[in-house]
Structures are given as structure tokens and as C-alpha cells.
């Protein structure tokens, strides 16, 4: 028999995928009874899943109106990045010492990111991206760090939307390739360099979110609208070389600090 907790996690994943795919738009109401009937379940796991998505800030509730899909606030996303940068900087330091250059699992996940980018599959790339960062935090071997990082719900609340912003402006492959310097530092067993690359990586995403906000990037546009890679680049991003220069400029700015 499947436990209620497992059921609620499955329902949560289903609902979250629908939100990310744009099947549920900001402002859409999620009705427990309708979802339960559709999935052939009781309302209890649906109610728990909705409660979790509210705590993750993908949904919001109103008195007598139930739960609705929440519009993502770019300001809220930007506030998370300084905290995340500090945590992952520490994770890079500790992981470089403990991994001892053995990065086979991270290389595998990086390859999966590249493969997802080649297929123009946004959600697969996002999932592998989340796995990549989680593996490094776990490799740090510090339970307090892991619990704090997990408590920010980084994978769910920020990574997906941040990657969506990057994709809209720079393309899938560049998102994947931004992880290569981290791998190289970990393989070289260099804690200082690994820490720096982790911080630069996270702060680059944070800056791109702020720039996307100021330039009118549609942070809350569903991911299925972004799977075309360069097809939906804003005006002025006609050349791939220009994208590379801009990303390099952002990274170099952070390294000079």
C-alpha cells in the first residue's frame, strides 16, 4: 500500500510540473475536489500537496477562494541569491577537499545537462541542474549546511525560474556550460578556486535575474514557451558570440570583486 506521504509527493510533483509547463497559469484556481477526481485519489493527499506548494510559494491562498497559482516576484528571487551564494561558496570549499578530485557522478550529471540542452528540453536541464548543485552540497559533508540549503527550497523556488530567465536571454547550452568551471575546480582539488567558481556561478544567475527584471524579461512566463532556445531571444541578441561576451562579462565582474 502506498503511504499518504508518498501519494502527496506524487501529487505535488504533478501539480508543480503543470505549473512549470504553463498548464496552470498565474491566477488559476486549483480545486482540491476536481484534482482528486481527475487523479482518482481522495482529497487528503491533494490537500497536503497544495499546502506544500503554498509553503514553496508556487501557490497562494485567499479566504473563501482556495489556492491559486502565484505570480513569481523577481524581487523575491533576487533576495535569495546572496544567501545561496554564501552557502554554495562554503559547499565548494568543503566538497573540493572531500571529493579528492573524484567527480565522476558530477561529470555524468553535467553530461546529462548538455544532452538536455542539445534536445532543447528545458525541464530535463533544470532537473539535472538541481541535481548538480545538490550533489556538491551533499559532498560537503556538513548536515547543517545541507539542511540550511534545503530549507531555502532552492531547487523548487529559485533554480527553475532562474534557468528560465537564462534560457530566455542566452540559450540552453550556455546554461549547461556555465557549470564547467566548477567541475574543473573540483577536479583540480582546489578549494579556493571551487569556492570562487560556486559563488560566481550563483551570483551570475542573481545578476541576470535583476537584469531580466529591469529589461522586462517575462520571469513568470511558462517554461514550455521557452523550449525553442534562441528562437525567442529578445531583440539585440542575434549573434551567439554576443551572448558569450555578455555572460563572460558578468562572470568577470564578479571575479574582480
Foldseek 3Di string as FASTA:
>chain_A
DDDLVVLLVVLLVVVLVCQQQVVAAFFDADDLVVSCVVVVHDSVSVVVSQVVCVVLVQWDQDPPRHIGGHFDDLVVLLVCLVVQLVLLLLLLLLLLQQCVLVCVVLVVLLVQLQVCQVVLNLVSNLVSVVVNSLVSNVSSVDVVSNVVNVVNVCSRNHSSLLVLLCQQAAFSNVLSCLCVQLSVCSNVSHSNSNSLSSSLSSVLSSVSSVVCVVVVNRSSDRPNVRSVRPPNHDPPRPDNVVSVVVSVVSSVVSVVD
